[in-house]
C-alpha atoms as a PDB file:
ATOM      1  CA  UNK A   1      -4.280 -17.475  24.072  1.00  0.00           C
ATOM      2  CA  UNK A   2      -7.395 -19.380  23.023  1.00  0.00           C
ATOM      3  CA  UNK A   3      -6.500 -19.880  19.361  1.00  0.00           C
ATOM      4  CA  UNK A   4      -9.663 -18.217  18.099  1.00  0.00           C
ATOM      5  CA  UNK A   5      -8.286 -15.665  15.613  1.00  0.00           C
ATOM      6  CA  UNK A   6      -8.758 -17.657  12.397  1.00  0.00           C
ATOM      7  CA  UNK A   7     -12.020 -19.172  13.605  1.00  0.00           C
ATOM      8  CA  UNK A   8     -13.414 -15.737  14.459  1.00  0.00           C
ATOM      9  CA  UNK A   9     -12.405 -14.360  11.058  1.00  0.00           C
ATOM     10  CA  UNK A  10     -14.224 -17.171   9.252  1.00  0.00           C
ATOM     11  CA  UNK A  11     -17.329 -16.785  11.403  1.00  0.00           C
ATOM     12  CA  UNK A  12     -17.220 -13.003  10.843  1.00  0.00           C
ATOM     13  CA  UNK A  13     -17.244 -13.529   7.086  1.00  0.00           C
ATOM     14  CA  UNK A  14     -20.015 -16.126   7.123  1.00  0.00           C
ATOM     15  CA  UNK A  15     -22.262 -14.136   9.451  1.00  0.00           C
ATOM     16  CA  UNK A  16     -21.734 -10.904   7.513  1.00  0.00           C
ATOM     17  CA  UNK A  17     -22.411 -12.481   4.112  1.00  0.00           C
ATOM     18  CA  UNK A  18     -25.575 -14.126   5.384  1.00  0.00           C
ATOM     19  CA  UNK A  19     -26.763 -10.862   6.947  1.00  0.00           C
ATOM     20  CA  UNK A  20     -26.118  -9.017   3.688  1.00  0.00           C
ATOM     21  CA  UNK A  21     -28.109 -11.613   1.749  1.00  0.00           C
ATOM     22  CA  UNK A  22     -30.915 -11.494   4.297  1.00  0.00           C
ATOM     23  CA  UNK A  23     -31.174  -7.703   4.154  1.00  0.00           C
ATOM     24  CA  UNK A  24     -30.666  -7.261   0.389  1.00  0.00           C
ATOM     25  CA  UNK A  25     -33.208  -4.849  -1.039  1.00  0.00           C
ATOM     26  CA  UNK A  26     -34.257  -3.449   2.361  1.00  0.00           C
ATOM     27  CA  UNK A  27     -31.601  -0.840   2.985  1.00  0.00           C
ATOM     28  CA  UNK A  28     -29.103  -3.656   2.950  1.00  0.00           C
ATOM     29  CA  UNK A  29     -25.653  -2.973   4.208  1.00  0.00           C
ATOM     30  CA  UNK A  30     -26.550  -0.478   6.972  1.00  0.00           C
ATOM     31  CA  UNK A  31     -29.034  -2.864   8.558  1.00  0.00           C
ATOM     32  CA  UNK A  32     -26.636  -5.774   8.074  1.00  0.00           C
ATOM     33  CA  UNK A  33     -23.770  -3.805   9.667  1.00  0.00           C
ATOM     34  CA  UNK A  34     -25.828  -2.901  12.756  1.00  0.00           C
ATOM     35  CA  UNK A  35     -27.049  -6.463  13.199  1.00  0.00           C
ATOM     36  CA  UNK A  36     -23.537  -7.825  12.639  1.00  0.00           C
ATOM     37  CA  UNK A  37     -22.164  -5.574  15.391  1.00  0.00           C
ATOM     38  CA  UNK A  38     -24.991  -6.566  17.738  1.00  0.00           C
ATOM     39  CA  UNK A  39     -24.382 -10.285  17.096  1.00  0.00           C
ATOM     40  CA  UNK A  40     -20.597 -10.480  17.053  1.00  0.00           C
ATOM     41  CA  UNK A  41     -19.239  -7.716  19.283  1.00  0.00           C
ATOM     42  CA  UNK A  42     -20.468  -8.986  22.694  1.00  0.00           C
ATOM     43  CA  UNK A  43     -19.232 -12.515  21.994  1.00  0.00           C
ATOM     44  CA  UNK A  44     -15.857 -11.480  20.558  1.00  0.00           C
ATOM     45  CA  UNK A  45     -15.312  -9.028  23.429  1.00  0.00           C
ATOM     46  CA  UNK A  46     -15.988 -11.818  25.937  1.00  0.00           C
ATOM     47  CA  UNK A  47     -13.615 -14.120  24.049  1.00  0.00           C
ATOM     48  CA  UNK A  48     -10.874 -11.471  24.001  1.00  0.00           C
ATOM     49  CA  UNK A  49     -11.242 -10.730  27.720  1.00  0.00           C
ATOM     50  CA  UNK A  50     -11.125 -14.423  28.570  1.00  0.00           C
ATOM     51  CA  UNK A  51      -8.010 -14.924  26.438  1.00  0.00           C
ATOM     52  CA  UNK A  52      -6.322 -11.904  28.032  1.00  0.00           C
ATOM     53  CA  UNK A  53      -7.137 -13.105  31.530  1.00  0.00           C
ATOM     54  CA  UNK A  54      -5.917 -16.622  30.705  1.00  0.00           C
ATOM     55  CA  UNK A  55      -2.656 -15.247  29.334  1.00  0.00           C
ATOM     56  CA  UNK A  56      -2.119 -13.079  32.376  1.00  0.00           C
ATOM     57  CA  UNK A  57      -2.796 -16.005  34.711  1.00  0.00           C
ATOM     58  CA  UNK A  58      -0.428 -18.232  32.723  1.00  0.00           C
ATOM     59  CA  UNK A  59       2.338 -15.658  33.259  1.00  0.00           C
ATOM     60  CA  UNK A  60       2.036 -15.606  37.062  1.00  0.00           C
ATOM     61  CA  UNK A  61       5.449 -16.248  38.566  1.00  0.00           C
ATOM     62  CA  UNK A  62       4.974 -16.550  42.315  1.00  0.00           C
ATOM     63  CA  UNK A  63       4.466 -20.005  43.759  1.00  0.00           C
ATOM     64  CA  UNK A  64       1.441 -18.785  45.718  1.00  0.00           C
ATOM     65  CA  UNK A  65      -0.261 -17.328  42.609  1.00  0.00           C
ATOM     66  CA  UNK A  66       0.464 -20.396  40.453  1.00  0.00           C
ATOM     67  CA  UNK A  67      -0.795 -22.714  43.184  1.00  0.00           C
ATOM     68  CA  UNK A  68      -3.973 -20.653  43.524  1.00  0.00           C
ATOM     69  CA  UNK A  69      -4.482 -20.664  39.733  1.00  0.00           C
ATOM     70  CA  UNK A  70      -3.947 -24.422  39.460  1.00  0.00           C
ATOM     71  CA  UNK A  71      -6.335 -25.202  42.303  1.00  0.00           C
ATOM     72  CA  UNK A  72      -8.990 -22.842  40.915  1.00  0.00           C
ATOM     73  CA  UNK A  73      -8.726 -24.431  37.470  1.00  0.00           C
ATOM     74  CA  UNK A  74      -9.056 -27.942  38.924  1.00  0.00           C
ATOM     75  CA  UNK A  75     -12.076 -26.825  40.943  1.00  0.00           C
ATOM     76  CA  UNK A  76     -13.863 -25.240  37.977  1.00  0.00           C
ATOM     77  CA  UNK A  77     -12.956 -28.160  35.716  1.00  0.00           C
ATOM     78  CA  UNK A  78     -14.967 -30.396  38.050  1.00  0.00           C
ATOM     79  CA  UNK A  79     -17.922 -27.991  38.168  1.00  0.00           C
ATOM     80  CA  UNK A  80     -20.174 -28.967  35.259  1.00  0.00           C
ATOM     81  CA  UNK A  81     -21.871 -25.671  34.318  1.00  0.00           C
ATOM     82  CA  UNK A  82     -18.619 -23.687  34.466  1.00  0.00           C
ATOM     83  CA  UNK A  83     -16.802 -26.338  32.469  1.00  0.00           C
ATOM     84  CA  UNK A  84     -19.488 -26.421  29.760  1.00  0.00           C
ATOM     85  CA  UNK A  85     -19.523 -22.632  29.543  1.00  0.00           C
ATOM     86  CA  UNK A  86     -15.751 -22.419  29.100  1.00  0.00           C
ATOM     87  CA  UNK A  87     -15.725 -25.268  26.587  1.00  0.00           C
ATOM     88  CA  UNK A  88     -18.411 -23.590  24.485  1.00  0.00           C
ATOM     89  CA  UNK A  89     -16.614 -20.255  24.610  1.00  0.00           C
ATOM     90  CA  UNK A  90     -13.245 -21.682  23.606  1.00  0.00           C
ATOM     91  CA  UNK A  91     -14.923 -23.652  20.809  1.00  0.00           C
ATOM     92  CA  UNK A  92     -16.376 -20.383  19.509  1.00  0.00           C
ATOM     93  CA  UNK A  93     -20.018 -21.287  20.137  1.00  0.00           C
ATOM     94  CA  UNK A  94     -22.322 -18.275  20.146  1.00  0.00           C
ATOM     95  CA  UNK A  95     -26.027 -19.220  20.085  1.00  0.00           C
ATOM     96  CA  UNK A  96     -27.024 -15.743  18.840  1.00  0.00           C
ATOM     97  CA  UNK A  97     -25.271 -16.274  15.512  1.00  0.00           C
ATOM     98  CA  UNK A  98     -26.374 -19.873  14.897  1.00  0.00           C
ATOM     99  CA  UNK A  99     -29.027 -18.880  12.296  1.00  0.00           C
ATOM    100  CA  UNK A 100     -26.263 -17.231  10.244  1.00  0.00           C
ATOM    101  CA  UNK A 101     -23.812 -20.133  10.399  1.00  0.00           C
ATOM    102  CA  UNK A 102     -25.887 -22.753   8.607  1.00  0.00           C
ATOM    103  CA  UNK A 103     -25.370 -21.608   5.013  1.00  0.00           C
ATOM    104  CA  UNK A 104     -28.618 -19.850   4.036  1.00  0.00           C
ATOM    105  CA  UNK A 105     -26.517 -18.089   1.385  1.00  0.00           C
ATOM    106  CA  UNK A 106     -25.884 -21.362  -0.409  1.00  0.00           C
ATOM    107  CA  UNK A 107     -29.564 -22.282  -0.225  1.00  0.00           C
ATOM    108  CA  UNK A 108     -30.634 -18.903  -1.602  1.00  0.00           C
ATOM    109  CA  UNK A 109     -28.169 -19.049  -4.525  1.00  0.00           C
ATOM    110  CA  UNK A 110     -28.960 -22.680  -5.459  1.00  0.00           C
END
């Protein structure tokens, strides 16, 4: 419902490769796997729950429920912190993985 499948797959690959490069020679893949899970799982779980909830709300059929949903969305759209949080989530922004997004692999192999 949020269109994040392909984006998440690309981020997964980039983060994992960078973690593997970072941990090479130090026990490597086991450390990288644990750190990958710690970085990605909480964010992806939150993204999945938000998408599920959004899909369920979009399927509401009663006039009362749809009216409530529409008013709540208008309210939160006008509330700055909530709006920024949702925008960052739906854009796939996870501050915890930022160090692994900016191509250290390419720098190391250059």
